[in-house]
N, C-alpha and C. Protein backbone atom coordinates (compact mmCIF):
# COMPACT_ATOMS: atom_id res chain seq x y z
N MET A 1 25.87 -103.30 -52.11
CA MET A 1 26.22 -103.51 -50.72
C MET A 1 25.62 -104.84 -50.27
N SER A 2 26.42 -105.63 -49.62
CA SER A 2 25.92 -106.91 -49.14
C SER A 2 25.35 -106.73 -47.75
N GLU A 3 24.51 -107.66 -47.36
CA GLU A 3 23.85 -107.58 -46.05
C GLU A 3 24.81 -107.83 -44.90
N GLY A 4 25.87 -108.63 -45.11
CA GLY A 4 26.73 -109.05 -44.02
C GLY A 4 27.82 -108.07 -43.62
N ARG A 5 28.24 -107.18 -44.52
CA ARG A 5 29.36 -106.30 -44.17
C ARG A 5 28.95 -104.84 -44.30
N PRO A 6 29.55 -103.97 -43.50
CA PRO A 6 29.22 -102.55 -43.59
C PRO A 6 29.81 -101.93 -44.86
N GLU A 7 29.22 -100.86 -45.29
CA GLU A 7 29.66 -100.14 -46.48
C GLU A 7 30.92 -99.33 -46.16
N THR A 8 31.93 -99.42 -47.03
CA THR A 8 33.15 -98.65 -46.83
C THR A 8 32.92 -97.20 -47.26
N ASP A 9 33.86 -96.31 -46.88
CA ASP A 9 33.73 -94.90 -47.24
C ASP A 9 33.68 -94.70 -48.75
N TRP A 10 34.58 -95.35 -49.49
CA TRP A 10 34.62 -95.14 -50.94
C TRP A 10 33.37 -95.70 -51.59
N GLU A 11 32.79 -96.78 -51.08
CA GLU A 11 31.55 -97.32 -51.63
C GLU A 11 30.39 -96.35 -51.38
N ARG A 12 30.38 -95.77 -50.20
CA ARG A 12 29.33 -94.80 -49.87
C ARG A 12 29.45 -93.57 -50.76
N ARG A 13 30.68 -93.04 -50.93
CA ARG A 13 30.88 -91.86 -51.79
C ARG A 13 30.49 -92.18 -53.23
N LYS A 14 30.84 -93.37 -53.71
CA LYS A 14 30.49 -93.77 -55.08
C LYS A 14 28.98 -93.85 -55.25
N ARG A 15 28.30 -94.44 -54.27
CA ARG A 15 26.84 -94.58 -54.33
C ARG A 15 26.19 -93.19 -54.31
N LEU A 16 26.65 -92.31 -53.44
CA LEU A 16 26.08 -90.97 -53.36
C LEU A 16 26.35 -90.17 -54.63
N ALA A 17 27.53 -90.33 -55.22
CA ALA A 17 27.86 -89.63 -56.47
C ALA A 17 26.97 -90.12 -57.61
N GLU A 18 26.64 -91.40 -57.62
CA GLU A 18 25.76 -91.93 -58.66
C GLU A 18 24.35 -91.35 -58.54
N VAL A 19 23.92 -91.13 -57.31
CA VAL A 19 22.57 -90.61 -57.08
C VAL A 19 22.51 -89.10 -57.26
N PHE A 20 23.43 -88.38 -56.62
CA PHE A 20 23.35 -86.92 -56.58
C PHE A 20 24.31 -86.21 -57.52
N GLY A 21 25.22 -86.92 -58.13
CA GLY A 21 26.20 -86.28 -59.00
C GLY A 21 27.32 -85.66 -58.19
N ASP A 22 28.18 -84.95 -58.87
CA ASP A 22 29.32 -84.32 -58.23
C ASP A 22 28.91 -82.95 -57.71
N ALA A 23 28.82 -82.80 -56.42
CA ALA A 23 28.37 -81.53 -55.83
C ALA A 23 29.50 -80.52 -55.69
N MET A 24 30.74 -80.96 -55.81
CA MET A 24 31.86 -80.06 -55.64
C MET A 24 32.22 -79.41 -56.98
N PRO A 25 32.41 -78.09 -57.00
CA PRO A 25 32.80 -77.43 -58.25
C PRO A 25 34.23 -77.79 -58.63
N GLU A 26 34.54 -77.62 -59.90
CA GLU A 26 35.89 -77.90 -60.38
C GLU A 26 36.92 -76.92 -59.81
N THR A 27 36.50 -75.67 -59.61
CA THR A 27 37.40 -74.66 -59.05
C THR A 27 36.70 -73.98 -57.88
N THR A 28 37.49 -73.41 -57.02
CA THR A 28 36.92 -72.66 -55.89
C THR A 28 36.79 -71.20 -56.27
N SER A 29 36.05 -70.46 -55.48
CA SER A 29 35.82 -69.05 -55.81
C SER A 29 37.10 -68.23 -55.83
N ASP A 30 38.09 -68.60 -55.04
CA ASP A 30 39.33 -67.83 -55.06
C ASP A 30 40.21 -68.15 -56.27
N GLU A 31 39.89 -69.20 -57.01
CA GLU A 31 40.63 -69.53 -58.23
C GLU A 31 40.01 -68.90 -59.48
N ARG A 32 38.77 -68.42 -59.36
CA ARG A 32 38.07 -67.83 -60.50
C ARG A 32 38.20 -66.32 -60.49
N GLU A 33 38.03 -65.72 -61.66
CA GLU A 33 38.02 -64.27 -61.76
C GLU A 33 36.79 -63.74 -61.04
N PRO A 34 36.93 -62.61 -60.34
CA PRO A 34 35.75 -62.04 -59.67
C PRO A 34 34.71 -61.61 -60.69
N GLU A 35 33.44 -61.82 -60.34
CA GLU A 35 32.37 -61.42 -61.25
C GLU A 35 32.11 -59.93 -61.12
N SER A 36 31.89 -59.29 -62.24
CA SER A 36 31.53 -57.88 -62.20
C SER A 36 30.02 -57.79 -61.99
N PRO A 37 29.51 -56.67 -61.52
CA PRO A 37 28.06 -56.54 -61.32
C PRO A 37 27.27 -56.77 -62.60
N GLU A 38 27.85 -56.42 -63.74
CA GLU A 38 27.15 -56.61 -65.01
C GLU A 38 26.94 -58.08 -65.34
N THR A 39 27.89 -58.94 -64.95
CA THR A 39 27.75 -60.36 -65.27
C THR A 39 26.84 -61.08 -64.28
N ARG A 40 26.66 -60.52 -63.09
CA ARG A 40 25.81 -61.16 -62.09
C ARG A 40 24.34 -60.84 -62.29
N GLU A 41 24.01 -59.67 -62.83
CA GLU A 41 22.61 -59.31 -62.95
C GLU A 41 22.03 -59.81 -64.27
N SER A 42 20.73 -59.95 -64.30
CA SER A 42 20.07 -60.43 -65.51
C SER A 42 20.08 -59.35 -66.58
N GLY A 43 19.76 -59.73 -67.79
CA GLY A 43 19.70 -58.77 -68.88
C GLY A 43 18.69 -57.67 -68.63
N THR A 44 17.55 -58.03 -68.02
CA THR A 44 16.51 -57.04 -67.71
C THR A 44 17.02 -56.03 -66.70
N ASP A 45 17.72 -56.51 -65.67
CA ASP A 45 18.27 -55.60 -64.67
C ASP A 45 19.30 -54.65 -65.28
N ALA A 46 20.13 -55.17 -66.18
CA ALA A 46 21.13 -54.33 -66.83
C ALA A 46 20.44 -53.26 -67.68
N TRP A 47 19.37 -53.64 -68.39
CA TRP A 47 18.65 -52.68 -69.22
C TRP A 47 18.03 -51.59 -68.34
N LEU A 48 17.40 -52.00 -67.24
CA LEU A 48 16.78 -51.01 -66.36
C LEU A 48 17.82 -50.06 -65.78
N ARG A 49 18.97 -50.59 -65.39
CA ARG A 49 20.04 -49.75 -64.84
C ARG A 49 20.54 -48.77 -65.90
N ALA A 50 20.59 -49.18 -67.15
CA ALA A 50 21.05 -48.30 -68.22
C ALA A 50 20.04 -47.19 -68.51
N GLN A 51 18.78 -47.36 -68.11
CA GLN A 51 17.74 -46.37 -68.38
C GLN A 51 17.66 -45.27 -67.32
N VAL A 52 18.41 -45.39 -66.24
CA VAL A 52 18.38 -44.38 -65.18
C VAL A 52 19.04 -43.10 -65.70
N PRO A 53 18.36 -41.97 -65.59
CA PRO A 53 18.96 -40.71 -66.07
C PRO A 53 20.21 -40.36 -65.27
N PRO A 54 21.17 -39.70 -65.91
CA PRO A 54 22.44 -39.39 -65.25
C PRO A 54 22.28 -38.54 -63.97
N HIS A 55 21.28 -37.68 -63.93
CA HIS A 55 21.13 -36.83 -62.75
C HIS A 55 20.57 -37.58 -61.54
N HIS A 56 20.17 -38.84 -61.70
CA HIS A 56 19.69 -39.65 -60.58
C HIS A 56 20.82 -40.41 -59.89
N GLY A 57 22.01 -40.35 -60.43
CA GLY A 57 23.15 -41.05 -59.84
C GLY A 57 23.10 -42.53 -60.14
N SER A 58 24.05 -43.27 -59.60
CA SER A 58 24.08 -44.70 -59.89
C SER A 58 23.89 -45.54 -58.67
């Protein structure tokens, strides 16, 4: 950026992308398959949930 002229929008976006990277995801949440509870929880949580006796419900 030069001292004499203001920064254009595309120059500002380019500079910010170089510093912070691309913050926008490639797809939006409505374009992706919904996550099941098993894929969202950690392995430890899944193991603990599997250890609950059947008579305690889910």
